[in-house]
C-alpha atoms as a PDB file:
ATOM      1  CA  MET A   1      25.968  33.507  20.264  1.00  0.00           C
ATOM      2  CA  LYS A   2      24.088  33.729  16.973  1.00  0.00           C
ATOM      3  CA  LYS A   3      25.473  30.352  15.892  1.00  0.00           C
ATOM      4  CA  ILE A   4      24.239  28.691  19.080  1.00  0.00           C
ATOM      5  CA  LEU A   5      20.802  30.219  18.613  1.00  0.00           C
ATOM      6  CA  VAL A   6      20.639  29.006  14.978  1.00  0.00           C
ATOM      7  CA  VAL A   7      21.688  25.483  16.005  1.00  0.00           C
ATOM      8  CA  MET A   8      19.102  25.400  18.808  1.00  0.00           C
ATOM      9  CA  MET A   9      16.364  26.543  16.432  1.00  0.00           C
ATOM     10  CA  GLY A  10      17.407  23.845  13.926  1.00  0.00           C
ATOM     11  CA  VAL A  11      17.261  21.143  16.609  1.00  0.00           C
ATOM     12  CA  CYS A  12      13.825  22.331  17.766  1.00  0.00           C
ATOM     13  CA  ALA A  13      12.540  22.384  14.193  1.00  0.00           C
ATOM     14  CA  ALA A  14      13.813  18.843  13.605  1.00  0.00           C
ATOM     15  CA  LEU A  15      12.185  17.577  16.807  1.00  0.00           C
ATOM     16  CA  CYS A  16       8.860  19.235  16.010  1.00  0.00           C
ATOM     17  CA  ALA A  17       8.788  18.011  12.396  1.00  0.00           C
ATOM     18  CA  GLY A  18       7.518  14.592  13.476  1.00  0.00           C
ATOM     19  CA  CYS A  19       4.587  16.175  15.277  1.00  0.00           C
ATOM     20  CA  ILE A  20       3.290  17.758  12.089  1.00  0.00           C
ATOM     21  CA  LEU A  21       2.783  14.484  10.189  1.00  0.00           C
ATOM     22  CA  PRO A  22      -0.849  13.388   9.818  1.00  0.00           C
ATOM     23  CA  GLN A  23      -2.023  10.626  12.114  1.00  0.00           C
ATOM     24  CA  ARG A  24      -3.957   7.596  10.905  1.00  0.00           C
ATOM     25  CA  GLY A  25      -7.154   6.754  12.695  1.00  0.00           C
ATOM     26  CA  ASN A  26      -7.875   3.363  14.232  1.00  0.00           C
ATOM     27  CA  GLU A  27     -10.921   2.882  12.031  1.00  0.00           C
ATOM     28  CA  PRO A  28     -11.027  -0.441  10.142  1.00  0.00           C
ATOM     29  CA  SER A  29     -10.640  -0.080   6.409  1.00  0.00           C
ATOM     30  CA  ILE A  30     -13.534  -1.303   4.291  1.00  0.00           C
ATOM     31  CA  ILE A  31     -12.886  -2.352   0.710  1.00  0.00           C
ATOM     32  CA  SER A  32     -15.828  -1.819  -1.574  1.00  0.00           C
ATOM     33  CA  SER A  33     -16.421  -3.851  -4.705  1.00  0.00           C
ATOM     34  CA  THR A  34     -15.518  -0.830  -6.812  1.00  0.00           C
ATOM     35  CA  GLN A  35     -11.951  -0.983  -5.469  1.00  0.00           C
ATOM     36  CA  LEU A  36     -11.319  -4.571  -6.565  1.00  0.00           C
ATOM     37  CA  THR A  37      -8.742  -4.824  -9.306  1.00  0.00           C
ATOM     38  CA  GLU A  38      -9.994  -8.136 -10.673  1.00  0.00           C
ATOM     39  CA  PRO A  39     -13.065  -9.012 -12.730  1.00  0.00           C
ATOM     40  CA  VAL A  40     -15.889 -10.753 -10.908  1.00  0.00           C
ATOM     41  CA  TRP A  41     -15.452 -13.947 -12.948  1.00  0.00           C
ATOM     42  CA  ILE A  42     -11.928 -14.375 -11.517  1.00  0.00           C
ATOM     43  CA  ARG A  43     -13.151 -13.663  -7.977  1.00  0.00           C
ATOM     44  CA  ASN A  44     -15.845 -16.337  -8.538  1.00  0.00           C
ATOM     45  CA  GLY A  45     -13.196 -18.933  -9.435  1.00  0.00           C
ATOM     46  CA  GLU A  46     -14.041 -19.274 -13.124  1.00  0.00           C
ATOM     47  CA  PRO A  47     -11.197 -20.628 -15.269  1.00  0.00           C
ATOM     48  CA  ILE A  48      -9.165 -19.185 -18.113  1.00  0.00           C
ATOM     49  CA  VAL A  49      -9.199 -21.461 -21.163  1.00  0.00           C
ATOM     50  CA  PHE A  50      -5.664 -21.582 -22.591  1.00  0.00           C
ATOM     51  CA  GLU A  51      -4.282 -24.226 -24.967  1.00  0.00           C
ATOM     52  CA  ALA A  52      -7.535 -26.217 -24.647  1.00  0.00           C
ATOM     53  CA  GLU A  53      -7.075 -26.519 -20.863  1.00  0.00           C
ATOM     54  CA  ASP A  54      -8.924 -24.915 -17.955  1.00  0.00           C
ATOM     55  CA  TRP A  55      -6.695 -22.861 -15.651  1.00  0.00           C
ATOM     56  CA  PHE A  56      -8.302 -22.058 -12.291  1.00  0.00           C
ATOM     57  CA  PRO A  57      -7.406 -19.073 -10.094  1.00  0.00           C
ATOM     58  CA  MET A  58      -5.504 -19.830  -6.908  1.00  0.00           C
ATOM     59  CA  ASP A  59      -5.528 -17.901  -3.648  1.00  0.00           C
ATOM     60  CA  GLU A  60      -1.848 -17.137  -4.210  1.00  0.00           C
ATOM     61  CA  VAL A  61      -0.850 -13.700  -5.421  1.00  0.00           C
ATOM     62  CA  GLU A  62       2.848 -13.636  -6.271  1.00  0.00           C
ATOM     63  CA  ASN A  63       5.346 -10.800  -6.372  1.00  0.00           C
ATOM     64  CA  LEU A  64       6.756 -10.666  -9.895  1.00  0.00           C
ATOM     65  CA  LEU A  65       8.414  -7.824 -11.747  1.00  0.00           C
ATOM     66  CA  ASP A  66       7.012  -6.879 -15.141  1.00  0.00           C
ATOM     67  CA  SER A  67      10.352  -7.966 -16.616  1.00  0.00           C
ATOM     68  CA  GLU A  68       9.865 -11.502 -15.206  1.00  0.00           C
ATOM     69  CA  VAL A  69       6.660 -12.230 -17.164  1.00  0.00           C
ATOM     70  CA  TYR A  70       5.413 -11.869 -20.722  1.00  0.00           C
ATOM     71  CA  GLU A  71       1.897 -11.514 -22.055  1.00  0.00           C
ATOM     72  CA  ALA A  72       0.748 -14.852 -23.515  1.00  0.00           C
ATOM     73  CA  GLY A  73      -2.771 -13.862 -24.524  1.00  0.00           C
ATOM     74  CA  THR A  74      -6.092 -12.349 -23.523  1.00  0.00           C
ATOM     75  CA  TYR A  75      -9.151 -14.109 -22.147  1.00  0.00           C
ATOM     76  CA  ARG A  76     -12.453 -12.298 -21.596  1.00  0.00           C
ATOM     77  CA  GLU A  77     -10.677  -8.978 -22.110  1.00  0.00           C
ATOM     78  CA  VAL A  78      -8.103  -9.787 -19.385  1.00  0.00           C
ATOM     79  CA  PRO A  79      -4.467 -10.243 -20.423  1.00  0.00           C
ATOM     80  CA  PHE A  80      -2.698 -13.244 -18.910  1.00  0.00           C
ATOM     81  CA  PHE A  81       0.992 -13.825 -18.451  1.00  0.00           C
ATOM     82  CA  ILE A  82       3.620 -16.558 -18.201  1.00  0.00           C
ATOM     83  CA  GLU A  83       6.918 -16.397 -16.347  1.00  0.00           C
ATOM     84  CA  ARG A  84       9.819 -15.864 -18.754  1.00  0.00           C
ATOM     85  CA  THR A  85      11.682 -18.820 -17.228  1.00  0.00           C
ATOM     86  CA  ASP A  86       8.769 -21.284 -17.631  1.00  0.00           C
ATOM     87  CA  VAL A  87       8.626 -23.704 -20.582  1.00  0.00           C
ATOM     88  CA  ARG A  88       5.881 -25.987 -21.958  1.00  0.00           C
ATOM     89  CA  PRO A  89       4.024 -27.588 -20.333  1.00  0.00           C
ATOM     90  CA  PHE A  90       3.532 -24.435 -18.300  1.00  0.00           C
ATOM     91  CA  GLU A  91       3.216 -24.802 -14.549  1.00  0.00           C
ATOM     92  CA  ARG A  92       1.190 -21.621 -14.018  1.00  0.00           C
ATOM     93  CA  ILE A  93      -0.261 -18.644 -15.787  1.00  0.00           C
ATOM     94  CA  TYR A  94      -0.981 -15.287 -14.167  1.00  0.00           C
ATOM     95  CA  THR A  95      -3.264 -12.288 -14.357  1.00  0.00           C
ATOM     96  CA  HIS A  96      -2.150  -8.847 -13.241  1.00  0.00           C
ATOM     97  CA  PHE A  97      -3.493  -8.084  -9.772  1.00  0.00           C
ATOM     98  CA  SER A  98      -1.727  -4.827  -8.862  1.00  0.00           C
ATOM     99  CA  LYS A  99       1.733  -3.310  -9.187  1.00  0.00           C
ATOM    100  CA  ASN A 100       4.211  -6.229  -9.232  1.00  0.00           C
ATOM    101  CA  ARG A 101       1.462  -8.619  -8.015  1.00  0.00           C
ATOM    102  CA  TYR A 102       0.058 -11.425 -10.161  1.00  0.00           C
ATOM    103  CA  ARG A 103      -2.690 -13.961  -9.391  1.00  0.00           C
ATOM    104  CA  ALA A 104      -1.605 -17.531 -10.113  1.00  0.00           C
ATOM    105  CA  PHE A 105      -3.760 -19.943 -12.148  1.00  0.00           C
ATOM    106  CA  GLU A 106      -3.170 -23.710 -12.280  1.00  0.00           C
ATOM    107  CA  GLN A 107      -4.710 -26.572 -14.242  1.00  0.00           C
END
């Protein structure tokens, strides 16, 4: 009898556990300018000058692991990266956007 009671209490606890989780509201999220992870000059479409060429930011933000890119330099205090598999002439360069996310720049 005790075993049945313990099992029933365990089942009830498991069923009620989902009810305790916090609920998200239906309010739209608003991103303020202080939350942006990129400098304003990138958001304004200004280029990075690398190897005497202008590289302009694209709308694309790619998923890349840190092990798939290497730091090629710094421009205006922002490090930029190249894919480890890319060779000269480079197709794209990247700036770090967020964890495993990199903004693409093209000539």
